[in-house]
Amino acid sequence: MSATLFTNGVIWTGPAGETDALLVADGVVQAVGDDARAAAADAEVVDLGGGFVMPSFGDGHAHPLYGGLEAAGPVVRPCRSVEEIVETVAKYAAQNPDQEWILGASYDSSLAPDGLFDARWLDEAVPDRPVVLRAWDYHTVWCNSVALERAGITADTPDPQMGEIPHRADGSVLGTLREWGAVDLVMAAAPARDEEVRVAALRTAAEYYTARGVTWVQDAWVEPADLDTYLEAARRDALGVRFNLALYADPRHFETQIQAFAESRRRVEEVNSPYLTCQTVKFFADGVVENETGALLQPYCSGLHSHGMTVWEGDSLAEAARRVDDLGLQIHIHAIGDAAVRQALDAIEYVVQHNGTRDRRPVIAHNQLVDDADIERYARLGVIPNMQPLWAQLDALMTELTVPRLGSDRADRQYRMNTLSTTGAPLAFGSDWPVSSGAPLDGIAVAVSRRTADGEPADGWTAQEILPIDVALLAGTAGVAYQAFAETTWGRIEPGASVDLVWLDRDPRTVAPLDIPAIRVLRTYLRDHTVFSATD
């Protein structure tokens, strides 16, 4: 048995605190502290050079296939103006003259008033081929005129179920499509991406994550073609990190989908990859505040969409969740607005009442607004609030799109991570990458400061929600492992655990919060394999 001893640094084990030595062998933690040194007679020694080793991070809510695909199309995320996006798309189109459709992501919605982008702006870049760009939120697309034509979207096309088609003052279609019902109209007309491109996108996603110390990812929106891509990548041993798949539940097609969920899980189990599981179903309870489709108890300030959008009407979410629970699958619900959060909690409570108590670990993702009356329900029902800490700051998106829609009083009750954590709710972190950065340290910096990268505001926005650094680190490691039903396998450093580690150049507990994103990931280990090294 070849063994490795990590020493000369701080080793943060997770819930058990810290030690100064770690012995691993055959992919498993053998001992820590004095026990590690005593058993390390013939071990290879890794000198940490004063660095910091901790359990590798998990990402409890993300869209890795989408994130990887962003690199395959026109890369518009860095663009800081509409003109720059148009120029980038035009350049990409010129370099790819044989590409029938140009599909890219993900632009900043705050670059146009109210997040509304005109097809004619993209027509200037590409007048003769369809162009479809996803917005940062992945709930919205911006199309050129040819794409609208190919999709059959005209001034007479009614708003579909679960979607909106904005118009210009003269009644013509603008070019921005909001939410899945509308987005599906154009995406259904687009050709499928080549499978080689999609498998390569998963490799890109894995490389992105391991460079940031992440070794487990919850893909929170998996459709049948995505499942096929994951299975093909698994057969090729090309996954690179651990993925759990959340199969997408759509109220328009649920009766067909529910019959396929168990078969999808069986297909994943048949591949028998240590890096792939399929134990979750993803529901959307609402949209997003920036589109005024997040479902609210009280109306939006503008009143344009009144209380927002409810995806599952009446008791249908509760009944669908019960049927998913009947299959032994985990419930994972996107809920942004306080009305959506209440509906999600009601659905989970219904499941518990009808199916009895068991270790089901339901997840509500985002939890942007939670009404006071619902705070204690998370811990009581065993609901995991999966939070995106990077969003809890007064950045341009918040000040230009979110706060004007919610009003200042309601806006100041967003992302109540500390409040939920102190009730005993099992807090876990996710990034929602590529909606926002998938680097855990970026999110942790905001969680422990509630400040922007520029340090604003000086005392932190909604400072009562600032998390202690150890709580934030646990939410990104042991908290996600608990969400994954994997707390005995990874997410902590203890004898018998998998060697899923990240080696940082500094201890994030001892640096100023605004300096946390600058901490370097030196090496990432997955099952004792080095999957990223800063020196490679």
Protein backbone atom coordinates (compact mmCIF):
# COMPACT_ATOMS: atom_id res chain seq x y z
CA MET A 1 0.00 0.00 0.00
CA SER A 2 1.62 3.25 -1.16
CA ALA A 3 0.86 6.08 1.22
CA THR A 4 1.22 9.86 1.18
CA LEU A 5 1.70 12.14 4.18
CA PHE A 6 0.64 15.78 3.89
CA THR A 7 2.44 17.98 6.41
CA ASN A 8 3.84 21.46 7.10
CA GLY A 9 0.54 23.27 6.67
CA VAL A 10 -2.96 23.61 8.07
CA ILE A 11 -5.38 20.77 7.34
CA TRP A 12 -8.98 21.79 7.89
CA THR A 13 -10.97 18.60 8.26
CA GLY A 14 -14.44 20.16 8.14
CA PRO A 15 -16.77 19.66 11.11
CA ALA A 16 -13.93 18.32 13.32
CA GLY A 17 -11.77 21.45 12.96
CA GLU A 18 -8.10 21.46 11.99
CA THR A 19 -4.98 19.34 12.30
CA ASP A 20 -1.42 19.44 10.97
CA ALA A 21 -0.87 16.06 9.29
CA LEU A 22 -2.84 13.81 6.95
CA LEU A 23 -2.06 10.28 5.79
CA VAL A 24 -3.82 8.86 2.71
CA ALA A 25 -3.47 5.61 0.78
CA ASP A 26 -5.43 3.85 -1.98
CA GLY A 27 -7.77 6.81 -2.33
CA VAL A 28 -8.84 6.75 1.32
CA VAL A 29 -7.94 8.88 4.34
CA GLN A 30 -6.00 6.63 6.76
CA ALA A 31 -5.26 8.94 9.69
CA VAL A 32 -4.85 12.55 10.78
CA GLY A 33 -2.63 14.37 13.26
CA ASP A 34 -0.31 12.32 15.49
CA ASP A 35 -1.86 9.08 14.25
CA ALA A 36 -0.93 10.05 10.69
CA ARG A 37 2.68 10.75 11.61
CA ALA A 38 2.96 7.54 13.60
CA ALA A 39 1.78 5.42 10.66
CA ALA A 40 3.76 7.23 7.95
CA ALA A 41 7.14 5.48 8.17
CA ASP A 42 7.36 4.64 4.44
CA ALA A 43 5.01 7.30 3.11
CA GLU A 44 5.80 9.80 0.40
CA VAL A 45 5.80 13.27 1.98
CA VAL A 46 3.99 16.22 0.45
CA ASP A 47 5.30 19.47 1.95
CA LEU A 48 2.42 21.93 1.96
CA GLY A 49 4.77 24.87 2.37
CA GLY A 50 2.52 26.54 4.89
CA GLY A 51 -0.52 26.09 2.67
CA PHE A 52 -4.04 24.98 3.53
CA VAL A 53 -5.70 21.64 2.73
CA MET A 54 -9.44 21.14 3.08
CA PRO A 55 -12.16 18.90 1.67
CA SER A 56 -12.78 19.72 -1.98
CA PHE A 57 -15.84 21.81 -2.71
CA GLY A 58 -19.17 20.65 -4.08
CA ASP A 59 -21.51 22.71 -6.23
CA GLY A 60 -25.05 21.96 -5.14
CA HIS A 61 -26.81 23.68 -8.04
CA ALA A 62 -25.29 24.33 -11.47
CA HIS A 63 -25.67 23.77 -15.20
CA PRO A 64 -22.29 22.37 -16.26
CA LEU A 65 -23.27 21.31 -19.76
CA TYR A 66 -24.50 24.82 -20.52
CA GLY A 67 -21.36 26.23 -18.98
CA GLY A 68 -19.14 24.09 -21.15
CA LEU A 69 -21.13 24.93 -24.27
CA GLU A 70 -20.59 28.66 -23.74
CA ALA A 71 -17.02 28.16 -24.93
CA ALA A 72 -18.27 26.58 -28.18
CA GLY A 73 -20.28 29.56 -29.41
CA PRO A 74 -19.74 33.30 -29.56
CA VAL A 75 -18.39 34.16 -26.11
CA VAL A 76 -20.48 37.18 -25.12
CA ARG A 77 -20.33 36.93 -21.33
CA PRO A 78 -17.35 39.34 -21.05
CA CYS A 79 -19.08 41.97 -23.24
CA ARG A 80 -19.94 45.20 -21.44
CA SER A 81 -22.23 46.83 -24.02
CA VAL A 82 -24.77 45.88 -26.65
CA GLU A 83 -22.35 47.15 -29.30
CA GLU A 84 -19.62 44.84 -28.03
CA ILE A 85 -21.98 41.85 -28.14
CA VAL A 86 -23.00 42.66 -31.71
CA GLU A 87 -19.36 43.01 -32.73
CA THR A 88 -18.44 39.68 -31.08
CA VAL A 89 -21.30 37.86 -32.81
CA ALA A 90 -20.40 39.38 -36.18
CA LYS A 91 -16.78 38.28 -35.81
CA TYR A 92 -17.82 34.75 -34.80
CA ALA A 93 -20.22 34.50 -37.76
CA ALA A 94 -17.46 35.54 -40.17
CA GLN A 95 -15.14 32.89 -38.72
CA ASN A 96 -17.84 30.18 -38.95
CA PRO A 97 -19.51 30.70 -42.33
CA ASP A 98 -20.85 27.13 -42.52
CA GLN A 99 -22.59 27.17 -39.15
CA GLU A 100 -26.32 27.08 -39.89
CA TRP A 101 -27.45 28.51 -36.53
CA ILE A 102 -25.35 30.67 -34.23
CA LEU A 103 -26.06 29.76 -30.61
CA GLY A 104 -24.26 31.55 -27.80
CA ALA A 105 -24.40 32.64 -24.17
CA SER A 106 -24.67 34.44 -21.89
CA TYR A 107 -25.21 38.17 -22.12
CA ASP A 108 -25.76 40.63 -19.27
CA SER A 109 -29.46 41.53 -19.15
CA SER A 110 -28.76 44.85 -17.45
CA LEU A 111 -27.16 46.22 -20.64
CA ALA A 112 -30.57 47.14 -22.09
CA PRO A 113 -33.48 48.92 -20.37
CA ASP A 114 -35.64 46.42 -18.47
CA GLY A 115 -33.56 43.61 -19.97
CA LEU A 116 -35.31 43.96 -23.35
CA PHE A 117 -33.06 43.45 -26.41
CA ASP A 118 -34.10 44.16 -30.01
CA ALA A 119 -33.72 41.62 -32.83
CA ARG A 120 -32.64 44.41 -35.18
CA TRP A 121 -29.45 44.93 -33.16
CA LEU A 122 -28.39 41.36 -33.90
CA ASP A 123 -29.54 41.73 -37.52
CA GLU A 124 -26.69 44.21 -37.94
CA ALA A 125 -24.25 41.41 -37.11
CA VAL A 126 -25.91 38.50 -38.91
CA PRO A 127 -28.83 39.31 -41.24
CA ASP A 128 -28.99 35.96 -43.09
CA ARG A 129 -28.70 33.21 -40.44
CA PRO A 130 -30.52 32.57 -37.19
CA VAL A 131 -28.82 33.88 -34.04
CA VAL A 132 -29.99 32.93 -30.55
CA LEU A 133 -28.17 34.16 -27.45
CA ARG A 134 -29.10 33.07 -23.94
CA ALA A 135 -29.11 35.70 -21.20
CA TRP A 136 -27.07 35.30 -18.02
CA ASP A 137 -30.15 33.92 -16.23
CA TYR A 138 -30.84 31.17 -18.82
CA HIS A 139 -34.53 32.05 -18.53
CA THR A 140 -34.32 34.49 -21.45
CA VAL A 141 -33.05 34.52 -25.03
CA TRP A 142 -32.31 37.28 -27.53
CA CYS A 143 -32.95 36.37 -31.18
CA ASN A 144 -32.35 38.03 -34.51
CA SER A 145 -35.16 38.34 -37.04
CA VAL A 146 -34.23 35.20 -38.99
CA ALA A 147 -34.43 33.09 -35.82
CA LEU A 148 -37.89 34.47 -35.08
CA GLU A 149 -38.96 33.67 -38.63
CA ARG A 150 -37.62 30.10 -38.47
CA ALA A 151 -39.54 29.60 -35.22
CA GLY A 152 -42.72 30.97 -36.76
CA ILE A 153 -42.99 33.74 -34.18
CA THR A 154 -44.98 36.71 -35.51
CA ALA A 155 -46.88 39.66 -34.12
CA ASP A 156 -49.94 37.39 -33.95
CA THR A 157 -48.25 34.64 -31.92
CA PRO A 158 -49.89 34.54 -28.48
CA ASP A 159 -47.84 34.29 -25.33
CA PRO A 160 -47.40 30.56 -24.71
CA GLN A 161 -47.98 28.78 -21.43
CA MET A 162 -45.06 29.61 -19.11
CA GLY A 163 -43.63 32.24 -21.43
CA GLU A 164 -43.75 35.79 -22.73
CA ILE A 165 -43.08 37.35 -26.15
CA PRO A 166 -42.46 41.10 -25.68
CA HIS A 167 -43.48 43.45 -28.49
CA ARG A 168 -42.43 46.87 -29.73
CA ALA A 169 -44.78 49.84 -29.50
CA ASP A 170 -45.99 49.14 -33.06
CA GLY A 171 -46.96 45.58 -32.14
CA SER A 172 -44.07 43.82 -33.88
CA VAL A 173 -42.08 41.14 -32.05
CA LEU A 174 -39.13 42.70 -30.22
CA GLY A 175 -36.64 39.83 -30.19
CA THR A 176 -36.44 38.96 -26.48
CA LEU A 177 -38.21 35.78 -25.35
CA ARG A 178 -38.82 35.20 -21.66
CA GLU A 179 -39.17 31.90 -19.80
CA TRP A 180 -39.31 28.35 -21.15
CA GLY A 181 -42.64 28.45 -22.94
CA ALA A 182 -41.37 31.20 -25.21
CA VAL A 183 -37.73 30.08 -25.29
CA ASP A 184 -38.81 26.58 -26.37
CA LEU A 185 -40.46 28.01 -29.49
CA VAL A 186 -37.13 29.05 -30.96
CA MET A 187 -34.97 26.30 -29.47
CA ALA A 188 -37.27 23.66 -30.95
CA ALA A 189 -36.51 25.06 -34.40
CA ALA A 190 -32.74 25.02 -33.85
CA PRO A 191 -30.74 21.93 -34.83
CA ALA A 192 -29.32 19.71 -32.08
CA ARG A 193 -25.70 20.38 -31.17
CA ASP A 194 -23.25 17.76 -32.34
CA GLU A 195 -22.69 15.10 -29.68
CA GLU A 196 -18.92 15.46 -29.93
CA VAL A 197 -19.31 19.15 -29.10
CA ARG A 198 -21.52 18.30 -26.13
CA VAL A 199 -19.16 15.66 -24.70
CA ALA A 200 -16.29 18.11 -25.14
CA ALA A 201 -18.38 20.69 -23.26
CA LEU A 202 -18.56 18.36 -20.26
CA ARG A 203 -14.77 18.02 -20.35
CA THR A 204 -14.51 21.81 -20.43
CA ALA A 205 -16.86 22.03 -17.44
CA ALA A 206 -14.84 19.47 -15.47
CA GLU A 207 -11.60 21.34 -16.17
CA TYR A 208 -13.24 24.59 -15.09
CA TYR A 209 -14.40 23.04 -11.82
CA THR A 210 -11.26 21.17 -10.83
CA ALA A 211 -9.19 24.33 -11.35
CA ARG A 212 -11.42 25.90 -8.69
CA GLY A 213 -11.29 23.02 -6.21
CA VAL A 214 -14.69 21.48 -7.03
CA THR A 215 -15.11 17.71 -7.43
CA TRP A 216 -18.92 17.14 -7.18
CA VAL A 217 -21.58 18.99 -9.17
CA GLN A 218 -25.36 18.86 -9.14
CA ASP A 219 -26.56 19.38 -12.71
CA ALA A 220 -29.88 20.99 -11.91
CA TRP A 221 -31.61 20.75 -15.30
CA VAL A 222 -31.19 17.55 -17.29
CA GLU A 223 -33.35 16.76 -20.32
CA PRO A 224 -33.28 13.49 -22.30
CA ALA A 225 -30.58 14.62 -24.77
CA ASP A 226 -28.44 15.80 -21.84
CA LEU A 227 -28.78 12.39 -20.19
CA ASP A 228 -27.52 10.77 -23.38
CA THR A 229 -24.50 13.09 -23.41
CA TYR A 230 -23.62 12.24 -19.80
CA LEU A 231 -23.94 8.54 -20.51
CA GLU A 232 -21.68 8.80 -23.54
CA ALA A 233 -19.11 10.78 -21.55
CA ALA A 234 -19.25 8.16 -18.79
CA ARG A 235 -18.67 5.34 -21.28
CA ARG A 236 -15.60 7.22 -22.54
CA ASP A 237 -14.39 7.84 -18.96
CA ALA A 238 -14.53 11.54 -19.84
CA LEU A 239 -16.51 13.03 -16.94
CA GLY A 240 -13.60 14.32 -14.85
CA VAL A 241 -15.62 15.13 -11.71
CA ARG A 242 -18.56 13.58 -9.88
CA PHE A 243 -21.93 14.59 -11.37
CA ASN A 244 -25.42 13.97 -10.05
CA LEU A 245 -28.23 14.51 -12.55
CA ALA A 246 -31.53 16.21 -11.73
CA LEU A 247 -34.09 15.21 -14.34
CA TYR A 248 -36.24 18.15 -15.45
CA ALA A 249 -39.95 17.99 -14.55
CA ASP A 250 -42.18 20.10 -16.83
CA PRO A 251 -45.89 20.51 -15.95
CA ARG A 252 -46.72 20.47 -19.67
CA HIS A 253 -45.26 16.97 -20.12
CA PHE A 254 -45.11 15.52 -16.62
CA GLU A 255 -47.31 12.48 -17.26
CA THR A 256 -44.88 11.31 -19.93
CA GLN A 257 -41.79 12.29 -17.96
CA ILE A 258 -42.70 10.50 -14.72
CA GLN A 259 -42.79 7.21 -16.60
CA ALA A 260 -39.24 7.80 -17.84
CA PHE A 261 -37.58 8.93 -14.61
CA ALA A 262 -36.99 5.47 -13.17
CA GLU A 263 -35.68 4.24 -16.52
CA SER A 264 -33.25 7.17 -16.68
CA ARG A 265 -31.92 6.27 -13.24
CA ARG A 266 -31.57 2.63 -14.33
CA ARG A 267 -29.58 3.64 -17.43
CA VAL A 268 -27.16 5.63 -15.30
CA GLU A 269 -26.75 2.80 -12.81
CA GLU A 270 -26.10 0.39 -15.68
CA VAL A 271 -23.10 2.43 -16.83
CA ASN A 272 -21.65 1.91 -13.33
CA SER A 273 -19.46 5.00 -13.33
CA PRO A 274 -18.08 6.18 -9.95
CA TYR A 275 -18.52 9.72 -11.26
CA LEU A 276 -22.19 9.63 -12.31
CA THR A 277 -25.44 9.30 -10.36
CA CYS A 278 -29.04 10.15 -11.18
CA GLN A 279 -31.03 10.46 -7.97
CA THR A 280 -32.84 13.79 -8.28
CA VAL A 281 -35.75 15.50 -10.08
CA LYS A 282 -35.75 19.25 -10.70
CA PHE A 283 -38.90 21.37 -10.53
CA PHE A 284 -39.27 25.08 -11.30
CA ALA A 285 -41.78 26.81 -9.03
CA ASP A 286 -41.29 30.21 -10.69
CA GLY A 287 -38.99 32.30 -12.85
CA VAL A 288 -36.68 35.17 -11.84
CA VAL A 289 -37.22 38.59 -10.32
CA GLU A 290 -35.34 40.38 -13.12
CA ASN A 291 -38.01 39.21 -15.61
CA GLU A 292 -40.77 39.82 -13.07
CA THR A 293 -41.56 36.11 -13.32
CA GLY A 294 -40.41 35.24 -9.79
CA ALA A 295 -43.61 34.48 -7.86
CA LEU A 296 -44.28 37.00 -5.06
CA LEU A 297 -46.78 37.18 -2.21
CA GLN A 298 -47.13 40.92 -2.83
CA PRO A 299 -47.08 42.46 -6.33
CA TYR A 300 -44.04 43.88 -8.09
CA CYS A 301 -43.50 47.60 -7.69
CA SER A 302 -44.15 48.21 -11.40
CA GLY A 303 -47.18 45.94 -11.42
CA LEU A 304 -46.25 44.85 -14.96
CA HIS A 305 -46.48 41.18 -14.11
CA SER A 306 -48.37 41.67 -10.85
CA HIS A 307 -47.34 38.73 -8.64
CA GLY A 308 -45.10 36.99 -11.20
CA MET A 309 -45.40 33.50 -12.68
CA THR A 310 -46.50 30.30 -10.99
CA VAL A 311 -45.23 27.34 -13.01
CA TRP A 312 -47.30 24.62 -11.32
CA GLU A 313 -50.88 25.70 -10.73
CA GLY A 314 -52.95 24.78 -7.69
CA ASP A 315 -51.85 21.58 -5.96
CA SER A 316 -50.10 20.17 -9.02
CA LEU A 317 -46.56 20.75 -7.68
CA ALA A 318 -47.36 18.93 -4.44
CA GLU A 319 -48.88 15.97 -6.27
CA ALA A 320 -46.00 15.79 -8.78
CA ALA A 321 -43.47 15.93 -5.94
CA ARG A 322 -45.29 13.08 -4.19
CA ARG A 323 -45.07 10.92 -7.30
CA VAL A 324 -41.36 11.64 -7.64
CA ASP A 325 -40.90 10.74 -3.97
CA ASP A 326 -42.77 7.48 -4.63
CA LEU A 327 -39.86 6.57 -6.94
CA GLY A 328 -37.34 7.25 -4.18
CA LEU A 329 -35.91 10.23 -6.06
CA GLN A 330 -34.82 13.46 -4.40
CA ILE A 331 -36.94 16.60 -4.83
CA HIS A 332 -35.05 19.73 -5.97
CA ILE A 333 -37.19 22.86 -6.46
CA HIS A 334 -36.15 26.21 -7.96
CA ALA A 335 -37.94 28.88 -5.92
CA ILE A 336 -36.96 32.55 -6.18
CA GLY A 337 -39.90 34.55 -4.88
CA ASP A 338 -41.54 34.21 -1.47
CA ALA A 339 -44.76 32.84 -2.99
CA ALA A 340 -42.77 30.17 -4.86
CA VAL A 341 -40.84 29.29 -1.69
CA ARG A 342 -44.10 28.84 0.19
CA GLN A 343 -45.51 26.65 -2.58
CA ALA A 344 -42.32 24.55 -2.54
CA LEU A 345 -42.45 24.13 1.24
CA ASP A 346 -46.15 23.28 1.04
CA ALA A 347 -45.36 20.64 -1.58
CA ILE A 348 -42.68 19.05 0.57
CA GLU A 349 -44.92 19.11 3.62
CA TYR A 350 -47.60 17.37 1.56
CA VAL A 351 -45.09 14.69 0.55
CA VAL A 352 -44.11 14.08 4.18
CA GLN A 353 -47.75 13.85 5.26
CA HIS A 354 -48.69 11.41 2.51
CA ASN A 355 -45.53 9.30 2.18
CA GLY A 356 -44.35 9.36 5.76
CA THR A 357 -41.03 10.24 7.32
CA ARG A 358 -37.83 9.04 5.66
CA ASP A 359 -34.37 10.41 4.83
CA ARG A 360 -35.40 12.23 1.64
CA ARG A 361 -33.33 15.48 1.94
CA PRO A 362 -35.47 17.71 -0.30
CA VAL A 363 -33.77 20.78 -1.72
CA ILE A 364 -35.11 24.26 -2.39
CA ALA A 365 -32.67 26.19 -4.55
CA HIS A 366 -32.11 29.97 -4.53
CA ASN A 367 -34.53 31.04 -1.75
CA GLN A 368 -34.07 34.66 -2.77
CA LEU A 369 -37.09 35.83 -0.78
CA VAL A 370 -38.46 33.88 2.18
CA ASP A 371 -41.38 35.18 4.19
CA ASP A 372 -40.91 35.35 7.97
CA ALA A 373 -43.70 32.82 8.46
CA ASP A 374 -41.78 30.21 6.43
CA ILE A 375 -38.30 30.51 7.94
CA GLU A 376 -38.72 27.81 10.58
CA ARG A 377 -40.27 25.33 8.15
CA TYR A 378 -36.94 24.42 6.52
CA ALA A 379 -35.48 22.84 9.65
CA ARG A 380 -38.79 21.30 10.69
CA LEU A 381 -39.27 19.62 7.30
CA GLY A 382 -35.59 18.78 6.80
CA VAL A 383 -35.40 20.99 3.72
CA ILE A 384 -31.94 21.92 2.45
CA PRO A 385 -31.79 25.60 1.43
CA ASN A 386 -29.30 25.58 -1.42
CA MET A 387 -28.10 29.18 -1.68
CA GLN A 388 -26.00 31.08 -4.21
CA PRO A 389 -23.90 33.32 -1.95
CA LEU A 390 -22.36 35.32 -4.80
CA TRP A 391 -25.77 36.85 -5.49
CA ALA A 392 -26.00 38.46 -2.03
CA GLN A 393 -24.37 41.75 -3.02
CA LEU A 394 -25.37 45.16 -4.32
CA ASP A 395 -23.93 44.72 -7.81
CA ALA A 396 -25.30 46.27 -11.01
CA LEU A 397 -27.81 43.46 -11.51
CA MET A 398 -29.19 44.02 -8.03
CA THR A 399 -29.31 47.82 -8.15
CA GLU A 400 -30.54 48.20 -11.75
CA LEU A 401 -32.96 45.29 -12.16
CA THR A 402 -33.80 43.65 -8.84
CA VAL A 403 -34.24 46.43 -6.28
CA PRO A 404 -36.48 48.60 -8.54
CA ARG A 405 -38.81 45.62 -8.98
CA LEU A 406 -38.96 44.63 -5.32
CA GLY A 407 -38.62 47.98 -3.57
CA SER A 408 -36.00 48.69 -0.93
CA ASP A 409 -37.80 47.14 2.05
CA ARG A 410 -38.41 43.83 0.35
CA ALA A 411 -35.01 43.90 -1.35
CA ASP A 412 -33.33 44.09 2.05
CA ARG A 413 -34.86 40.74 2.99
CA GLN A 414 -33.08 38.77 0.27
CA TYR A 415 -30.74 35.78 0.67
CA ARG A 416 -31.28 35.19 4.39
CA MET A 417 -28.49 32.64 4.69
CA ASN A 418 -27.50 33.36 8.28
CA THR A 419 -31.11 33.47 9.43
CA LEU A 420 -31.83 30.08 7.88
CA SER A 421 -28.58 28.55 9.12
CA THR A 422 -29.17 29.58 12.73
CA THR A 423 -32.58 27.86 12.72
CA GLY A 424 -30.84 24.54 12.10
CA ALA A 425 -31.66 24.31 8.40
CA PRO A 426 -28.91 22.28 6.63
CA LEU A 427 -27.41 25.05 4.48
CA ALA A 428 -25.63 24.09 1.26
CA PHE A 429 -24.04 26.24 -1.42
CA GLY A 430 -24.35 26.19 -5.18
CA SER A 431 -23.15 28.58 -7.85
CA ASP A 432 -25.76 28.24 -10.63
CA TRP A 433 -22.78 28.35 -13.03
CA PRO A 434 -22.72 29.59 -15.77
CA VAL A 435 -25.36 32.05 -14.56
CA SER A 436 -22.61 33.29 -12.22
CA SER A 437 -19.07 32.32 -11.28
CA GLY A 438 -18.57 28.67 -10.40
CA ALA A 439 -15.58 29.47 -8.17
CA PRO A 440 -16.60 28.65 -4.58
CA LEU A 441 -14.15 31.16 -3.14
CA ASP A 442 -15.90 33.97 -5.06
CA GLY A 443 -19.19 33.10 -3.39
CA ILE A 444 -17.67 32.56 0.04
CA ALA A 445 -16.10 36.03 -0.10
CA VAL A 446 -19.58 37.54 -0.46
CA ALA A 447 -21.14 35.20 2.11
CA VAL A 448 -18.75 36.41 4.80
CA SER A 449 -18.87 40.10 3.85
CA ARG A 450 -22.07 40.92 1.86
CA ARG A 451 -19.86 43.34 -0.08
CA THR A 452 -19.00 43.81 -3.74
CA ALA A 453 -15.47 43.29 -5.05
CA ASP A 454 -15.06 47.07 -4.63
CA GLY A 455 -15.88 46.75 -0.94
CA GLU A 456 -19.35 48.30 -1.05
CA PRO A 457 -21.06 48.90 1.24
CA ALA A 458 -18.32 49.17 3.84
CA ASP A 459 -20.29 47.44 6.61
CA GLY A 460 -21.91 44.91 4.30
CA TRP A 461 -25.35 44.88 2.71
CA THR A 462 -27.93 43.38 5.09
CA ALA A 463 -25.03 42.77 7.47
CA GLN A 464 -27.15 40.65 9.83
CA GLU A 465 -26.95 37.91 7.17
CA ILE A 466 -23.14 37.74 7.10
CA LEU A 467 -21.97 34.17 7.71
CA PRO A 468 -19.02 33.17 9.90
CA ILE A 469 -16.23 31.84 7.68
CA ASP A 470 -16.37 28.30 9.10
CA VAL A 471 -20.11 28.12 8.42
CA ALA A 472 -19.54 29.28 4.84
CA LEU A 473 -16.78 26.71 4.27
CA LEU A 474 -18.99 23.97 5.68
CA ALA A 475 -21.88 25.00 3.42
CA GLY A 476 -19.61 24.56 0.40
CA THR A 477 -18.22 21.19 1.50
CA ALA A 478 -19.97 19.08 4.15
CA GLY A 479 -23.28 20.85 3.42
CA VAL A 480 -23.19 19.87 -0.24
CA ALA A 481 -22.02 16.35 0.65
CA TYR A 482 -25.09 16.02 2.88
CA GLN A 483 -27.29 17.20 0.01
CA ALA A 484 -25.64 14.52 -2.16
CA PHE A 485 -26.25 11.73 0.42
CA ALA A 486 -22.46 11.42 0.44
CA GLU A 487 -21.45 12.75 3.86
CA THR A 488 -19.70 9.48 4.73
CA THR A 489 -17.73 9.54 1.45
CA TRP A 490 -16.53 13.12 0.91
CA GLY A 491 -16.98 16.65 2.24
CA ARG A 492 -14.82 16.07 5.33
CA ILE A 493 -11.37 14.70 6.13
CA GLU A 494 -11.57 11.72 8.47
CA PRO A 495 -10.41 8.09 8.40
CA GLY A 496 -12.35 6.15 5.77
CA ALA A 497 -13.33 9.21 3.68
CA SER A 498 -12.42 9.51 0.01
CA VAL A 499 -9.34 11.61 -0.74
CA ASP A 500 -11.32 14.47 -2.30
CA LEU A 501 -9.18 17.46 -1.34
CA VAL A 502 -8.17 20.94 -2.40
CA TRP A 503 -4.81 22.49 -1.53
CA LEU A 504 -4.90 26.30 -1.28
CA ASP A 505 -1.96 28.64 -0.94
CA ARG A 506 -3.55 30.41 2.04
CA ASP A 507 -6.02 29.80 4.83
CA PRO A 508 -9.31 31.50 3.85
CA ARG A 509 -10.16 31.89 7.54
CA THR A 510 -7.25 34.26 8.10
CA VAL A 511 -7.40 36.57 5.07
CA ALA A 512 -9.61 39.60 4.59
CA PRO A 513 -12.93 38.65 2.94
CA LEU A 514 -12.25 40.71 -0.18
CA ASP A 515 -8.95 38.84 -0.64
CA ILE A 516 -10.54 35.37 -0.57
CA PRO A 517 -11.12 35.20 -4.36
CA ALA A 518 -7.38 35.75 -4.90
CA ILE A 519 -6.46 32.61 -2.96
CA ARG A 520 -4.80 30.21 -5.39
CA VAL A 521 -5.89 26.63 -5.87
CA LEU A 522 -2.59 24.74 -6.00
CA ARG A 523 -3.93 21.24 -6.44
CA THR A 524 -7.23 19.37 -6.52
CA TYR A 525 -7.55 15.67 -5.70
CA LEU A 526 -10.43 13.38 -6.62
CA ARG A 527 -10.26 9.88 -5.13
CA ASP A 528 -6.55 10.50 -4.56
CA HIS A 529 -5.94 11.37 -8.22
CA THR A 530 -4.51 14.79 -8.98
CA VAL A 531 -7.14 16.26 -11.29
CA PHE A 532 -5.70 19.78 -11.26
CA SER A 533 -2.26 21.14 -10.52
CA ALA A 534 -1.30 24.80 -10.80
CA THR A 535 2.19 23.75 -11.91
CA ASP A 536 1.02 21.63 -14.86
